[in-house]
Amino acid sequence: MARFAAYCCSRRLEPKDVCDNVMSAFEAHLDQRHLGKDPAKICKVMAQTWNGIIKRYNLALPSLTPPAEPAIPLPPPDKLP
């Protein structure tokens, strides 16, 4: 949460301004600056935490969509046993 809060503060974003687009930009920001870390995983946990806080305290703030898990590639149907 601290990294996300710092990111939002540096861009003068209020909690009401946080949305999926902000999370996408934050993920890109992490991707550029945190080598060896998994930005998608960080953002997924961040979105879940954000949503949990909103729900627990009944805040009138937008919920975030956690990033989807990457799809597992499947072989074409004709290659399946």
C-alpha atoms as a PDB file:
ATOM      1  CA  MET A   1       0.000   0.000   0.000  1.00  0.00           C
ATOM      2  CA  ALA A   2       2.848   2.394   0.812  1.00  0.00           C
ATOM      3  CA  ARG A   3       4.262   2.284  -2.727  1.00  0.00           C
ATOM      4  CA  PHE A   4       0.833   2.825  -4.228  1.00  0.00           C
ATOM      5  CA  ALA A   5       0.081   5.683  -1.814  1.00  0.00           C
ATOM      6  CA  ALA A   6       3.409   7.332  -2.693  1.00  0.00           C
ATOM      7  CA  TYR A   7       2.668   6.862  -6.407  1.00  0.00           C
ATOM      8  CA  CYS A   8      -0.758   8.492  -6.041  1.00  0.00           C
ATOM      9  CA  CYS A   9       0.576  11.339  -3.884  1.00  0.00           C
ATOM     10  CA  SER A  10       3.315  12.134  -6.384  1.00  0.00           C
ATOM     11  CA  ARG A  11       0.604  12.497  -9.042  1.00  0.00           C
ATOM     12  CA  ARG A  12      -1.766  14.387  -6.714  1.00  0.00           C
ATOM     13  CA  LEU A  13      -4.392  11.682  -6.975  1.00  0.00           C
ATOM     14  CA  GLU A  14      -7.072  11.571  -4.305  1.00  0.00           C
ATOM     15  CA  PRO A  15      -8.654   8.258  -3.238  1.00  0.00           C
ATOM     16  CA  LYS A  16     -11.740   9.148  -5.306  1.00  0.00           C
ATOM     17  CA  ASP A  17      -9.477   9.343  -8.392  1.00  0.00           C
ATOM     18  CA  VAL A  18      -8.189   5.792  -8.066  1.00  0.00           C
ATOM     19  CA  CYS A  19      -9.529   3.540 -10.813  1.00  0.00           C
ATOM     20  CA  ASP A  20      -8.428   0.664 -13.018  1.00  0.00           C
ATOM     21  CA  ASN A  21      -6.551   3.068 -15.321  1.00  0.00           C
ATOM     22  CA  VAL A  22      -4.517   4.330 -12.364  1.00  0.00           C
ATOM     23  CA  MET A  23      -3.731   0.733 -11.406  1.00  0.00           C
ATOM     24  CA  SER A  24      -2.598  -0.024 -14.965  1.00  0.00           C
ATOM     25  CA  ALA A  25      -0.319   3.007 -14.911  1.00  0.00           C
ATOM     26  CA  PHE A  26       1.006   1.962 -11.486  1.00  0.00           C
ATOM     27  CA  GLU A  27       1.755  -1.522 -12.807  1.00  0.00           C
ATOM     28  CA  ALA A  28       3.656  -0.016 -15.766  1.00  0.00           C
ATOM     29  CA  HIS A  29       5.519   2.223 -13.303  1.00  0.00           C
ATOM     30  CA  LEU A  30       6.523  -0.807 -11.226  1.00  0.00           C
ATOM     31  CA  ASP A  31       7.479  -2.733 -14.334  1.00  0.00           C
ATOM     32  CA  GLN A  32       9.970   0.007 -15.271  1.00  0.00           C
ATOM     33  CA  ARG A  33      11.478   0.468 -11.811  1.00  0.00           C
ATOM     34  CA  HIS A  34      11.387  -2.787  -9.866  1.00  0.00           C
ATOM     35  CA  LEU A  35      13.486  -5.385 -11.602  1.00  0.00           C
ATOM     36  CA  GLY A  36      13.009  -8.874 -10.274  1.00  0.00           C
ATOM     37  CA  LYS A  37       9.615  -8.111  -8.778  1.00  0.00           C
ATOM     38  CA  ASP A  38       6.272  -9.225 -10.213  1.00  0.00           C
ATOM     39  CA  PRO A  39       4.252  -6.033 -10.880  1.00  0.00           C
ATOM     40  CA  ALA A  40       1.108  -7.968 -11.800  1.00  0.00           C
ATOM     41  CA  LYS A  41       1.189  -9.848  -8.503  1.00  0.00           C
ATOM     42  CA  ILE A  42       1.851  -6.640  -6.537  1.00  0.00           C
ATOM     43  CA  CYS A  43      -1.077  -4.930  -8.283  1.00  0.00           C
ATOM     44  CA  LYS A  44      -3.369  -7.898  -7.741  1.00  0.00           C
ATOM     45  CA  VAL A  45      -2.698  -7.862  -3.994  1.00  0.00           C
ATOM     46  CA  MET A  46      -2.983  -4.057  -3.967  1.00  0.00           C
ATOM     47  CA  ALA A  47      -6.395  -4.146  -5.703  1.00  0.00           C
ATOM     48  CA  GLN A  48      -7.657  -6.852  -3.332  1.00  0.00           C
ATOM     49  CA  THR A  49      -6.447  -4.866  -0.315  1.00  0.00           C
ATOM     50  CA  TRP A  50      -8.012  -1.646  -1.658  1.00  0.00           C
ATOM     51  CA  ASN A  51     -11.328  -3.400  -2.264  1.00  0.00           C
ATOM     52  CA  GLY A  52     -11.243  -5.001   1.185  1.00  0.00           C
ATOM     53  CA  ILE A  53     -10.726  -1.637   2.884  1.00  0.00           C
ATOM     54  CA  ILE A  54     -13.566  -0.075   0.896  1.00  0.00           C
ATOM     55  CA  LYS A  55     -15.917  -2.928   1.787  1.00  0.00           C
ATOM     56  CA  ARG A  56     -14.922  -3.150   5.454  1.00  0.00           C
ATOM     57  CA  TYR A  57     -15.355   0.561   6.132  1.00  0.00           C
ATOM     58  CA  ASN A  58     -18.234   1.062   3.673  1.00  0.00           C
ATOM     59  CA  LEU A  59     -16.373   3.811   1.819  1.00  0.00           C
ATOM     60  CA  ALA A  60     -17.881   5.542  -1.192  1.00  0.00           C
ATOM     61  CA  LEU A  61     -14.831   4.890  -3.382  1.00  0.00           C
ATOM     62  CA  PRO A  62     -14.500   2.993  -6.649  1.00  0.00           C
ATOM     63  CA  SER A  63     -13.547  -0.675  -6.487  1.00  0.00           C
ATOM     64  CA  LEU A  64     -10.628  -1.947  -8.526  1.00  0.00           C
ATOM     65  CA  THR A  65     -10.510  -4.915 -10.867  1.00  0.00           C
ATOM     66  CA  PRO A  66      -7.611  -7.164  -9.863  1.00  0.00           C
ATOM     67  CA  PRO A  67      -5.422  -8.105 -12.835  1.00  0.00           C
ATOM     68  CA  ALA A  68      -6.443 -11.428 -14.333  1.00  0.00           C
ATOM     69  CA  GLU A  69      -4.231 -14.446 -14.002  1.00  0.00           C
ATOM     70  CA  PRO A  70      -2.327 -15.133 -17.214  1.00  0.00           C
ATOM     71  CA  ALA A  71      -4.044 -17.735 -19.342  1.00  0.00           C
ATOM     72  CA  ILE A  72      -2.450 -21.149 -19.511  1.00  0.00           C
ATOM     73  CA  PRO A  73      -1.703 -21.886 -23.156  1.00  0.00           C
ATOM     74  CA  LEU A  74      -3.471 -24.994 -24.380  1.00  0.00           C
ATOM     75  CA  PRO A  75      -2.564 -27.032 -27.428  1.00  0.00           C
ATOM     76  CA  PRO A  76      -4.933 -26.909 -30.389  1.00  0.00           C
ATOM     77  CA  PRO A  77      -7.872 -29.344 -30.121  1.00  0.00           C
ATOM     78  CA  ASP A  78      -6.442 -31.573 -32.852  1.00  0.00           C
ATOM     79  CA  LYS A  79      -3.282 -32.075 -30.746  1.00  0.00           C
ATOM     80  CA  LEU A  80      -5.143 -33.199 -27.619  1.00  0.00           C
ATOM     81  CA  PRO A  81      -5.262 -36.953 -26.822  1.00  0.00           C
END
